[in-house]
Amino acid sequence: MTTPHDIEQRLEALEIKASFTEDVVDKLDQIIIRQQQTIDALIGEVRALREQSARASEGGAPRNLRDELPPHY
């Protein structure tokens, strides 16, 4: 048989678990926000690099792979 004391202990345990769960959810939310900001910044960088590459390839003459070699060759 369940006593009022048992019910009170179970309720207290549930409140503690709920509190910890809220804390974890808040931390995960902050992580997701930071990750989305990083993703947005990376998307912007990729977009800028694509535009830069497109402008460079519009320059005219086809690229020569020898021009791409590092200076130590």
N, C-alpha and C. Protein backbone atom coordinates (compact mmCIF):
# COMPACT_ATOMS: atom_id res chain seq x y z
N MET A 1 0.85 -1.18 0.00
CA MET A 1 0.00 0.00 0.00
C MET A 1 0.89 1.24 0.00
N THR A 2 0.48 2.24 -0.72
CA THR A 2 1.27 3.46 -0.85
C THR A 2 0.86 4.44 0.23
N THR A 3 1.88 4.90 0.94
CA THR A 3 1.63 5.85 2.01
C THR A 3 1.86 7.27 1.48
N PRO A 4 1.29 8.25 2.17
CA PRO A 4 1.52 9.64 1.76
C PRO A 4 3.01 10.00 1.74
N HIS A 5 3.78 9.39 2.64
CA HIS A 5 5.22 9.66 2.68
C HIS A 5 5.89 9.13 1.40
N ASP A 6 5.48 7.93 0.94
CA ASP A 6 6.03 7.35 -0.29
C ASP A 6 5.68 8.23 -1.49
N ILE A 7 4.46 8.70 -1.53
CA ILE A 7 4.02 9.57 -2.63
C ILE A 7 4.83 10.86 -2.62
N GLU A 8 5.06 11.42 -1.45
CA GLU A 8 5.83 12.65 -1.34
C GLU A 8 7.27 12.44 -1.83
N GLN A 9 7.87 11.30 -1.46
CA GLN A 9 9.23 11.00 -1.92
C GLN A 9 9.29 10.83 -3.44
N ARG A 10 8.31 10.13 -3.97
CA ARG A 10 8.27 9.94 -5.42
C ARG A 10 8.07 11.26 -6.14
N LEU A 11 7.21 12.11 -5.62
CA LEU A 11 6.98 13.42 -6.21
C LEU A 11 8.24 14.27 -6.16
N GLU A 12 8.93 14.22 -5.05
CA GLU A 12 10.19 14.97 -4.92
C GLU A 12 11.23 14.47 -5.92
N ALA A 13 11.33 13.15 -6.09
CA ALA A 13 12.27 12.57 -7.04
C ALA A 13 11.93 13.02 -8.46
N LEU A 14 10.64 13.05 -8.79
CA LEU A 14 10.22 13.50 -10.11
C LEU A 14 10.54 14.98 -10.33
N GLU A 15 10.36 15.79 -9.30
CA GLU A 15 10.68 17.22 -9.41
C GLU A 15 12.18 17.43 -9.64
N ILE A 16 12.99 16.63 -8.97
CA ILE A 16 14.45 16.72 -9.15
C ILE A 16 14.82 16.32 -10.57
N LYS A 17 14.24 15.22 -11.07
CA LYS A 17 14.52 14.79 -12.43
C LYS A 17 14.07 15.85 -13.44
N ALA A 18 12.92 16.44 -13.22
CA ALA A 18 12.42 17.48 -14.13
C ALA A 18 13.36 18.68 -14.13
N SER A 19 13.87 19.03 -12.97
CA SER A 19 14.80 20.15 -12.88
C SER A 19 16.08 19.87 -13.65
N PHE A 20 16.65 18.69 -13.49
CA PHE A 20 17.85 18.31 -14.23
C PHE A 20 17.58 18.27 -15.73
N THR A 21 16.41 17.77 -16.10
CA THR A 21 16.04 17.69 -17.51
C THR A 21 15.95 19.08 -18.12
N GLU A 22 15.35 20.02 -17.41
CA GLU A 22 15.28 21.41 -17.90
C GLU A 22 16.67 21.99 -18.10
N ASP A 23 17.57 21.71 -17.17
CA ASP A 23 18.94 22.21 -17.28
C ASP A 23 19.63 21.64 -18.52
N VAL A 24 19.48 20.34 -18.75
CA VAL A 24 20.09 19.71 -19.91
C VAL A 24 19.51 20.28 -21.19
N VAL A 25 18.20 20.46 -21.24
CA VAL A 25 17.56 21.01 -22.43
C VAL A 25 18.07 22.43 -22.70
N ASP A 26 18.22 23.24 -21.67
CA ASP A 26 18.75 24.60 -21.85
C ASP A 26 20.17 24.58 -22.39
N LYS A 27 21.01 23.68 -21.87
CA LYS A 27 22.39 23.57 -22.35
C LYS A 27 22.42 23.12 -23.81
N LEU A 28 21.60 22.13 -24.15
CA LEU A 28 21.54 21.65 -25.53
C LEU A 28 21.03 22.74 -26.47
N ASP A 29 20.09 23.53 -26.00
CA ASP A 29 19.58 24.64 -26.80
C ASP A 29 20.68 25.64 -27.12
N GLN A 30 21.51 25.95 -26.14
CA GLN A 30 22.62 26.88 -26.36
C GLN A 30 23.64 26.29 -27.33
N ILE A 31 23.89 25.00 -27.22
CA ILE A 31 24.81 24.34 -28.15
C ILE A 31 24.27 24.41 -29.57
N ILE A 32 22.99 24.16 -29.73
CA ILE A 32 22.38 24.20 -31.06
C ILE A 32 22.45 25.61 -31.63
N ILE A 33 22.23 26.61 -30.81
CA ILE A 33 22.31 28.00 -31.27
C ILE A 33 23.72 28.31 -31.76
N ARG A 34 24.74 27.91 -30.98
CA ARG A 34 26.14 28.15 -31.40
C ARG A 34 26.47 27.40 -32.68
N GLN A 35 26.00 26.16 -32.79
CA GLN A 35 26.27 25.38 -34.00
C GLN A 35 25.61 26.03 -35.22
N GLN A 36 24.40 26.54 -35.07
CA GLN A 36 23.72 27.17 -36.19
C GLN A 36 24.45 28.44 -36.60
N GLN A 37 24.96 29.20 -35.64
CA GLN A 37 25.73 30.39 -35.96
C GLN A 37 26.99 30.01 -36.73
N THR A 38 27.65 28.93 -36.32
CA THR A 38 28.84 28.46 -37.03
C THR A 38 28.49 28.02 -38.44
N ILE A 39 27.40 27.28 -38.58
CA ILE A 39 26.96 26.83 -39.90
C ILE A 39 26.66 28.02 -40.80
N ASP A 40 25.96 29.02 -40.27
CA ASP A 40 25.64 30.21 -41.05
C ASP A 40 26.91 30.93 -41.51
N ALA A 41 27.91 31.03 -40.61
CA ALA A 41 29.17 31.68 -40.97
C ALA A 41 29.89 30.88 -42.05
N LEU A 42 29.90 29.56 -41.94
CA LEU A 42 30.55 28.72 -42.94
C LEU A 42 29.85 28.81 -44.29
N ILE A 43 28.54 28.87 -44.28
CA ILE A 43 27.78 29.02 -45.53
C ILE A 43 28.17 30.34 -46.20
N GLY A 44 28.30 31.39 -45.41
CA GLY A 44 28.71 32.68 -45.96
C GLY A 44 30.11 32.62 -46.56
N GLU A 45 31.01 31.93 -45.89
CA GLU A 45 32.38 31.81 -46.41
C GLU A 45 32.40 31.01 -47.72
N VAL A 46 31.65 29.91 -47.76
CA VAL A 46 31.60 29.10 -48.98
C VAL A 46 31.01 29.93 -50.12
N ARG A 47 29.97 30.67 -49.84
CA ARG A 47 29.33 31.52 -50.86
C ARG A 47 30.34 32.54 -51.39
N ALA A 48 31.10 33.17 -50.49
CA ALA A 48 32.10 34.16 -50.89
C ALA A 48 33.20 33.50 -51.73
N LEU A 49 33.64 32.32 -51.34
CA LEU A 49 34.67 31.62 -52.11
C LEU A 49 34.17 31.23 -53.50
N ARG A 50 32.91 30.82 -53.58
CA ARG A 50 32.35 30.48 -54.89
C ARG A 50 32.29 31.71 -55.79
N GLU A 51 31.88 32.84 -55.22
CA GLU A 51 31.83 34.07 -56.00
C GLU A 51 33.22 34.48 -56.45
N GLN A 52 34.20 34.35 -55.55
CA GLN A 52 35.58 34.69 -55.88
C GLN A 52 36.10 33.78 -56.99
N SER A 53 35.79 32.50 -56.90
CA SER A 53 36.22 31.55 -57.92
C SER A 53 35.54 31.85 -59.25
N ALA A 54 34.27 32.19 -59.21
CA ALA A 54 33.55 32.50 -60.45
C ALA A 54 34.13 33.75 -61.11
N ARG A 55 34.47 34.76 -60.32
CA ARG A 55 35.06 35.98 -60.88
C ARG A 55 36.43 35.68 -61.48
N ALA A 56 37.21 34.82 -60.83
CA ALA A 56 38.54 34.48 -61.33
C ALA A 56 38.46 33.69 -62.64
N SER A 57 37.47 32.82 -62.75
CA SER A 57 37.35 32.01 -63.96
C SER A 57 36.77 32.81 -65.11
N GLU A 58 36.10 33.92 -64.84
CA GLU A 58 35.57 34.78 -65.89
C GLU A 58 36.68 35.59 -66.55
N GLY A 59 37.86 35.59 -65.96
CA GLY A 59 38.96 36.43 -66.38
C GLY A 59 39.42 36.22 -67.81
N GLY A 60 39.06 35.17 -68.45
CA GLY A 60 39.45 35.03 -69.85
C GLY A 60 40.13 33.72 -70.15
N ALA A 61 41.45 33.73 -70.29
CA ALA A 61 42.21 32.57 -70.76
C ALA A 61 42.00 31.36 -69.86
N PRO A 62 41.99 30.18 -70.47
CA PRO A 62 41.88 28.97 -69.65
C PRO A 62 43.07 28.85 -68.70
N ARG A 63 42.80 28.25 -67.58
CA ARG A 63 43.86 28.10 -66.57
C ARG A 63 44.89 27.08 -67.01
N ASN A 64 46.13 27.39 -66.73
CA ASN A 64 47.23 26.47 -67.00
C ASN A 64 47.64 25.85 -65.67
N LEU A 65 47.71 24.53 -65.62
CA LEU A 65 48.05 23.87 -64.37
C LEU A 65 49.45 24.23 -63.90
N ARG A 66 50.36 24.59 -64.80
CA ARG A 66 51.70 25.00 -64.40
C ARG A 66 51.66 26.30 -63.58
N ASP A 67 50.66 27.11 -63.86
CA ASP A 67 50.52 28.34 -63.07
C ASP A 67 50.08 28.05 -61.65
N GLU A 68 49.53 26.87 -61.45
CA GLU A 68 49.03 26.48 -60.14
C GLU A 68 50.11 25.87 -59.25
N LEU A 69 51.27 25.54 -59.81
CA LEU A 69 52.32 24.90 -59.03
C LEU A 69 52.87 25.86 -57.98
N PRO A 70 53.19 25.33 -56.80
CA PRO A 70 53.79 26.16 -55.77
C PRO A 70 55.16 26.67 -56.22
N PRO A 71 55.68 27.73 -55.66
CA PRO A 71 56.93 28.32 -56.11
C PRO A 71 58.15 27.42 -55.93
N HIS A 72 58.11 26.41 -55.10
CA HIS A 72 59.30 25.58 -54.88
C HIS A 72 59.52 24.56 -56.00
N TYR A 73 58.64 24.47 -56.98
CA TYR A 73 58.82 23.54 -58.10
C TYR A 73 59.56 24.19 -59.23
